[in-house]
C-alpha atoms as a PDB file:
ATOM      1  CA  MET A   1       0.039   0.268  -0.317  1.00  0.00           C
ATOM      2  CA  ARG A   2       2.931   2.343   0.457  1.00  0.00           C
ATOM      3  CA  ASP A   3       3.921   2.445  -2.879  1.00  0.00           C
ATOM      4  CA  ARG A   4       0.709   3.917  -3.832  1.00  0.00           C
ATOM      5  CA  THR A   5      -0.012   6.965  -4.189  1.00  0.00           C
ATOM      6  CA  ASP A   6      -3.112   8.943  -2.966  1.00  0.00           C
ATOM      7  CA  GLU A   7      -5.265   9.222  -4.907  1.00  0.00           C
ATOM      8  CA  ALA A   8      -5.327   5.309  -6.409  1.00  0.00           C
ATOM      9  CA  LEU A   9      -5.614   4.769  -2.698  1.00  0.00           C
ATOM     10  CA  ILE A  10      -8.933   6.530  -2.573  1.00  0.00           C
ATOM     11  CA  ILE A  11     -10.323   5.300  -5.133  1.00  0.00           C
ATOM     12  CA  ALA A  12      -9.097   1.894  -3.185  1.00  0.00           C
ATOM     13  CA  VAL A  13     -11.014   3.712  -0.364  1.00  0.00           C
ATOM     14  CA  ARG A  14     -14.671   4.090  -2.569  1.00  0.00           C
ATOM     15  CA  ARG A  15     -14.099   0.042  -3.579  1.00  0.00           C
ATOM     16  CA  GLY A  16     -14.443  -1.142   0.114  1.00  0.00           C
ATOM     17  CA  GLU A  17     -10.354  -1.520   0.704  1.00  0.00           C
ATOM     18  CA  ILE A  18      -9.953  -0.899   4.051  1.00  0.00           C
ATOM     19  CA  ARG A  19      -5.851  -1.233   4.230  1.00  0.00           C
ATOM     20  CA  ALA A  20      -5.523   1.849   1.426  1.00  0.00           C
ATOM     21  CA  PHE A  21      -8.032   3.912   4.292  1.00  0.00           C
ATOM     22  CA  ASP A  22      -5.372   2.774   7.047  1.00  0.00           C
ATOM     23  CA  GLU A  23      -2.498   3.517   4.631  1.00  0.00           C
ATOM     24  CA  LEU A  24      -4.009   7.253   3.850  1.00  0.00           C
ATOM     25  CA  TYR A  25      -4.864   7.487   8.137  1.00  0.00           C
ATOM     26  CA  ARG A  26      -1.288   6.883   8.735  1.00  0.00           C
ATOM     27  CA  ARG A  27       0.142   9.394   6.070  1.00  0.00           C
ATOM     28  CA  TYR A  28      -2.239  12.485   7.010  1.00  0.00           C
ATOM     29  CA  ALA A  29      -3.631  11.423  10.955  1.00  0.00           C
ATOM     30  CA  ASP A  30      -1.086  13.587  12.696  1.00  0.00           C
ATOM     31  CA  ARG A  31      -0.968  16.726  10.568  1.00  0.00           C
ATOM     32  CA  VAL A  32      -4.101  16.956  10.194  1.00  0.00           C
ATOM     33  CA  PHE A  33      -4.590  15.985  14.383  1.00  0.00           C
ATOM     34  CA  GLY A  34      -2.039  18.767  14.974  1.00  0.00           C
ATOM     35  CA  TYR A  35      -3.569  21.781  12.554  1.00  0.00           C
ATOM     36  CA  LEU A  36      -6.778  21.157  13.892  1.00  0.00           C
ATOM     37  CA  ILE A  37      -5.694  20.872  17.575  1.00  0.00           C
ATOM     38  CA  ARG A  38      -3.798  23.865  17.079  1.00  0.00           C
ATOM     39  CA  TYR A  39      -6.943  25.854  15.904  1.00  0.00           C
ATOM     40  CA  VAL A  40      -9.782  24.438  17.727  1.00  0.00           C
ATOM     41  CA  GLN A  41      -7.650  24.244  21.335  1.00  0.00           C
ATOM     42  CA  ASP A  42      -9.571  21.309  22.781  1.00  0.00           C
ATOM     43  CA  ARG A  43      -7.946  17.317  21.200  1.00  0.00           C
ATOM     44  CA  ALA A  44     -11.687  15.741  21.793  1.00  0.00           C
ATOM     45  CA  GLU A  45     -13.157  18.483  19.570  1.00  0.00           C
ATOM     46  CA  ALA A  46     -10.178  17.963  17.090  1.00  0.00           C
ATOM     47  CA  GLU A  47      -9.975  13.859  17.619  1.00  0.00           C
ATOM     48  CA  ASP A  48     -14.130  14.677  16.654  1.00  0.00           C
ATOM     49  CA  LEU A  49     -13.261  16.909  13.351  1.00  0.00           C
ATOM     50  CA  LEU A  50     -10.310  14.836  12.275  1.00  0.00           C
ATOM     51  CA  GLN A  51     -12.949  12.298  12.028  1.00  0.00           C
ATOM     52  CA  GLU A  52     -15.576  14.132  10.157  1.00  0.00           C
ATOM     53  CA  VAL A  53     -12.114  15.305   7.994  1.00  0.00           C
ATOM     54  CA  PHE A  54     -11.660  11.815   7.005  1.00  0.00           C
ATOM     55  CA  MET A  55     -14.909  10.977   5.995  1.00  0.00           C
ATOM     56  CA  THR A  56     -15.855  13.993   3.966  1.00  0.00           C
ATOM     57  CA  VAL A  57     -12.597  13.425   1.404  1.00  0.00           C
ATOM     58  CA  LEU A  58     -13.222  10.058   1.771  1.00  0.00           C
ATOM     59  CA  ARG A  59     -17.022  10.277   0.168  1.00  0.00           C
ATOM     60  CA  ASP A  60     -17.081  13.698  -1.187  1.00  0.00           C
ATOM     61  CA  ASP A  61     -17.131  12.818  -5.557  1.00  0.00           C
ATOM     62  CA  ALA A  62     -15.475  16.987  -6.203  1.00  0.00           C
ATOM     63  CA  LEU A  63     -13.261  15.461  -4.712  1.00  0.00           C
ATOM     64  CA  ASP A  64      -9.944  16.809  -6.921  1.00  0.00           C
ATOM     65  CA  LEU A  65      -7.853  13.404  -7.618  1.00  0.00           C
ATOM     66  CA  ARG A  66      -5.008  14.606 -10.208  1.00  0.00           C
ATOM     67  CA  ALA A  67      -1.951  13.767  -9.084  1.00  0.00           C
ATOM     68  CA  GLY A  68      -0.914  16.102  -5.623  1.00  0.00           C
ATOM     69  CA  GLN A  69      -4.393  17.483  -4.941  1.00  0.00           C
ATOM     70  CA  VAL A  70      -5.001  14.951  -1.720  1.00  0.00           C
ATOM     71  CA  GLY A  71      -3.758  16.456   0.462  1.00  0.00           C
ATOM     72  CA  GLY A  72      -4.375  19.732  -0.277  1.00  0.00           C
ATOM     73  CA  TRP A  73      -7.626  18.261  -0.032  1.00  0.00           C
ATOM     74  CA  PHE A  74      -7.663  17.236   3.463  1.00  0.00           C
ATOM     75  CA  PHE A  75      -6.624  20.458   5.147  1.00  0.00           C
ATOM     76  CA  THR A  76      -9.494  22.168   3.464  1.00  0.00           C
ATOM     77  CA  VAL A  77     -11.674  20.046   4.507  1.00  0.00           C
ATOM     78  CA  ALA A  78      -9.741  20.728   7.698  1.00  0.00           C
ATOM     79  CA  ARG A  79      -9.608  24.514   7.468  1.00  0.00           C
ATOM     80  CA  ASN A  80     -13.319  24.853   7.044  1.00  0.00           C
ATOM     81  CA  ARG A  81     -14.794  22.370   9.546  1.00  0.00           C
ATOM     82  CA  ALA A  82     -12.474  23.677  12.583  1.00  0.00           C
ATOM     83  CA  LEU A  83     -14.113  27.528  11.281  1.00  0.00           C
ATOM     84  CA  SER A  84     -17.737  25.721  11.395  1.00  0.00           C
ATOM     85  CA  ARG A  85     -17.328  24.638  15.030  1.00  0.00           C
ATOM     86  CA  VAL A  86     -15.884  28.086  16.137  1.00  0.00           C
ATOM     87  CA  ARG A  87     -17.832  29.883  14.786  1.00  0.00           C
ATOM     88  CA  ARG A  88     -20.334  27.784  16.775  1.00  0.00           C
ATOM     89  CA  ARG A  89     -18.541  27.938  20.034  1.00  0.00           C
ATOM     90  CA  ARG A  90     -18.379  31.316  19.961  1.00  0.00           C
ATOM     91  CA  THR A  91     -22.437  31.780  18.363  1.00  0.00           C
ATOM     92  CA  GLU A  92     -22.606  29.224  21.659  1.00  0.00           C
ATOM     93  CA  ALA A  93     -20.624  31.247  23.855  1.00  0.00           C
ATOM     94  CA  ARG A  94     -22.298  34.764  23.107  1.00  0.00           C
ATOM     95  CA  HIS A  95     -25.564  33.456  23.462  1.00  0.00           C
ATOM     96  CA  LEU A  96     -25.065  31.918  27.033  1.00  0.00           C
ATOM     97  CA  GLU A  97     -22.999  35.141  28.160  1.00  0.00           C
ATOM     98  CA  THR A  98     -20.103  32.793  29.568  1.00  0.00           C
ATOM     99  CA  ALA A  99     -16.948  32.539  27.157  1.00  0.00           C
ATOM    100  CA  GLU A 100     -14.583  30.288  29.117  1.00  0.00           C
ATOM    101  CA  PRO A 101     -11.178  29.807  27.255  1.00  0.00           C
ATOM    102  CA  ALA A 102     -10.432  26.518  25.954  1.00  0.00           C
ATOM    103  CA  PRO A 103      -7.891  24.433  28.399  1.00  0.00           C
ATOM    104  CA  PRO A 104      -4.744  24.145  26.969  1.00  0.00           C
ATOM    105  CA  VAL A 105      -3.473  21.610  25.460  1.00  0.00           C
ATOM    106  CA  GLU A 106      -1.267  19.156  27.359  1.00  0.00           C
ATOM    107  CA  THR A 107      -0.038  16.013  27.843  1.00  0.00           C
ATOM    108  CA  PRO A 108       1.604  13.919  30.953  1.00  0.00           C
ATOM    109  CA  GLU A 109       4.846  13.039  29.119  1.00  0.00           C
ATOM    110  CA  VAL A 110       5.584  16.667  27.733  1.00  0.00           C
ATOM    111  CA  ASN A 111       8.311  18.507  29.470  1.00  0.00           C
ATOM    112  CA  ALA A 112       8.337  22.071  31.205  1.00  0.00           C
ATOM    113  CA  GLU A 113      10.364  22.814  28.581  1.00  0.00           C
ATOM    114  CA  ARG A 114       8.929  21.715  25.716  1.00  0.00           C
ATOM    115  CA  ARG A 115       5.336  23.755  26.868  1.00  0.00           C
ATOM    116  CA  GLU A 116       7.392  26.889  27.972  1.00  0.00           C
ATOM    117  CA  LEU A 117       8.978  26.651  23.805  1.00  0.00           C
ATOM    118  CA  VAL A 118       5.425  26.134  23.125  1.00  0.00           C
ATOM    119  CA  ALA A 119       3.753  28.133  24.681  1.00  0.00           C
ATOM    120  CA  ARG A 120       6.226  31.305  23.351  1.00  0.00           C
ATOM    121  CA  VAL A 121       5.506  30.189  20.048  1.00  0.00           C
ATOM    122  CA  GLU A 122       1.992  30.364  20.503  1.00  0.00           C
ATOM    123  CA  LEU A 123       2.698  34.185  22.234  1.00  0.00           C
ATOM    124  CA  ALA A 124       4.724  34.782  18.371  1.00  0.00           C
ATOM    125  CA  VAL A 125       1.488  33.403  16.255  1.00  0.00           C
ATOM    126  CA  GLU A 126      -0.892  35.308  18.148  1.00  0.00           C
ATOM    127  CA  GLY A 127       0.575  38.374  16.955  1.00  0.00           C
ATOM    128  CA  LEU A 128       0.022  37.754  13.397  1.00  0.00           C
ATOM    129  CA  PRO A 129      -2.553  39.252  10.986  1.00  0.00           C
ATOM    130  CA  GLN A 130      -5.067  35.637  11.194  1.00  0.00           C
ATOM    131  CA  PRO A 131      -4.065  34.807   7.182  1.00  0.00           C
ATOM    132  CA  GLN A 132      -0.106  34.677   8.444  1.00  0.00           C
ATOM    133  CA  ALA A 133      -1.128  32.294  11.432  1.00  0.00           C
ATOM    134  CA  GLU A 134      -3.096  29.971   9.769  1.00  0.00           C
ATOM    135  CA  ALA A 135      -0.063  29.929   6.494  1.00  0.00           C
ATOM    136  CA  LEU A 136       2.910  29.480   9.569  1.00  0.00           C
ATOM    137  CA  MET A 137       0.477  26.735  10.594  1.00  0.00           C
ATOM    138  CA  LEU A 138      -0.302  24.902   7.403  1.00  0.00           C
ATOM    139  CA  LYS A 139       3.323  24.988   6.504  1.00  0.00           C
ATOM    140  CA  VAL A 140       4.595  23.659   9.765  1.00  0.00           C
ATOM    141  CA  VAL A 141       2.008  21.464  11.265  1.00  0.00           C
ATOM    142  CA  GLY A 142       0.638  20.526   8.079  1.00  0.00           C
ATOM    143  CA  GLY A 143       3.955  20.539   5.888  1.00  0.00           C
ATOM    144  CA  LEU A 144       2.122  21.970   2.936  1.00  0.00           C
ATOM    145  CA  THR A 145       3.339  22.986   0.146  1.00  0.00           C
ATOM    146  CA  TYR A 146       2.974  26.935  -1.187  1.00  0.00           C
ATOM    147  CA  ALA A 147       0.530  25.553  -3.789  1.00  0.00           C
ATOM    148  CA  GLN A 148      -1.447  23.904  -0.943  1.00  0.00           C
ATOM    149  CA  ILE A 149      -1.714  26.657   0.954  1.00  0.00           C
ATOM    150  CA  ALA A 150      -3.035  29.062  -1.707  1.00  0.00           C
ATOM    151  CA  HIS A 151      -5.215  25.949  -2.994  1.00  0.00           C
ATOM    152  CA  VAL A 152      -6.414  26.141   1.254  1.00  0.00           C
ATOM    153  CA  GLN A 153      -6.727  30.281   2.016  1.00  0.00           C
ATOM    154  CA  GLU A 154      -8.345  30.827  -1.477  1.00  0.00           C
ATOM    155  CA  VAL A 155      -5.175  32.923  -2.117  1.00  0.00           C
ATOM    156  CA  PRO A 156      -1.999  32.601  -5.594  1.00  0.00           C
ATOM    157  CA  GLU A 157       0.536  31.134  -4.825  1.00  0.00           C
ATOM    158  CA  GLY A 158       2.169  34.367  -4.449  1.00  0.00           C
ATOM    159  CA  THR A 159       0.371  35.544  -1.677  1.00  0.00           C
ATOM    160  CA  ALA A 160       1.127  32.076   0.417  1.00  0.00           C
ATOM    161  CA  LYS A 161       4.199  33.166   0.101  1.00  0.00           C
ATOM    162  CA  SER A 162       4.312  36.391   1.307  1.00  0.00           C
ATOM    163  CA  ARG A 163       1.895  35.238   3.816  1.00  0.00           C
ATOM    164  CA  LEU A 164       4.451  32.315   5.525  1.00  0.00           C
ATOM    165  CA  HIS A 165       7.313  35.171   4.687  1.00  0.00           C
ATOM    166  CA  HIS A 166       5.976  37.786   6.825  1.00  0.00           C
ATOM    167  CA  ALA A 167       4.626  35.776   9.142  1.00  0.00           C
ATOM    168  CA  ILE A 168       8.405  33.911   9.069  1.00  0.00           C
ATOM    169  CA  ARG A 169       9.913  36.881  10.036  1.00  0.00           C
ATOM    170  CA  ALA A 170       7.564  38.044  12.022  1.00  0.00           C
ATOM    171  CA  VAL A 171       8.093  35.481  14.609  1.00  0.00           C
ATOM    172  CA  ARG A 172      11.828  35.669  14.278  1.00  0.00           C
ATOM    173  CA  ALA A 173      11.722  39.067  15.624  1.00  0.00           C
ATOM    174  CA  PHE A 174       9.838  38.575  18.622  1.00  0.00           C
ATOM    175  CA  PHE A 175      12.456  35.769  19.353  1.00  0.00           C
ATOM    176  CA  ALA A 176      14.674  38.601  18.881  1.00  0.00           C
ATOM    177  CA  ARG A 177      13.421  41.362  20.913  1.00  0.00           C
ATOM    178  CA  GLU A 178      12.956  38.739  23.525  1.00  0.00           C
ATOM    179  CA  THR A 179      16.350  38.149  23.662  1.00  0.00           C
ATOM    180  CA  GLU A 180      17.598  41.193  24.116  1.00  0.00           C
ATOM    181  CA  GLY A 181      14.998  41.483  26.545  1.00  0.00           C
ATOM    182  CA  GLU A 182      16.710  39.030  28.638  1.00  0.00           C
ATOM    183  CA  ILE A 183      20.445  39.633  27.924  1.00  0.00           C
ATOM    184  CA  GLN A 184      19.703  43.301  28.966  1.00  0.00           C
ATOM    185  CA  GLY A 185      17.280  42.098  31.962  1.00  0.00           C
END
């Protein structure tokens, strides 16, 4: 199965080959889950969304089965599902008039140094405009190419490159300022 293309695996899954589904899941689940969890900030919700993404991608006849399109399609569906879930959560919070922040996502095996680094990176990313932050997440967490990021964000490839370039520069500048503060402090 590992030598088959994503497109061939999708076709095989639609014919009922379970091993083809397992291979697609192996290829994409971790990256899509990482993207979703950063987007929705809730592990259980991200797990639910991951299953929805896989079911949607595998059932959707509109899926472009040309070479190189499947990965981008996974992240497009993931983005749309996550946006919908976040919007619904905001609407529910407004109705309840209580907006509780999502609990931080941590696992017991994550050590303190890694948590601190993740917190610093998240702080740096929070300062970015949303399109730049999303482009950075798609690249770093999802491993998408510029073309795939452009497809997910529905922008020209040059815009995706520019967003990613500006995001990386801003994060570097954030860490440079932070380091200068430590040296001077």
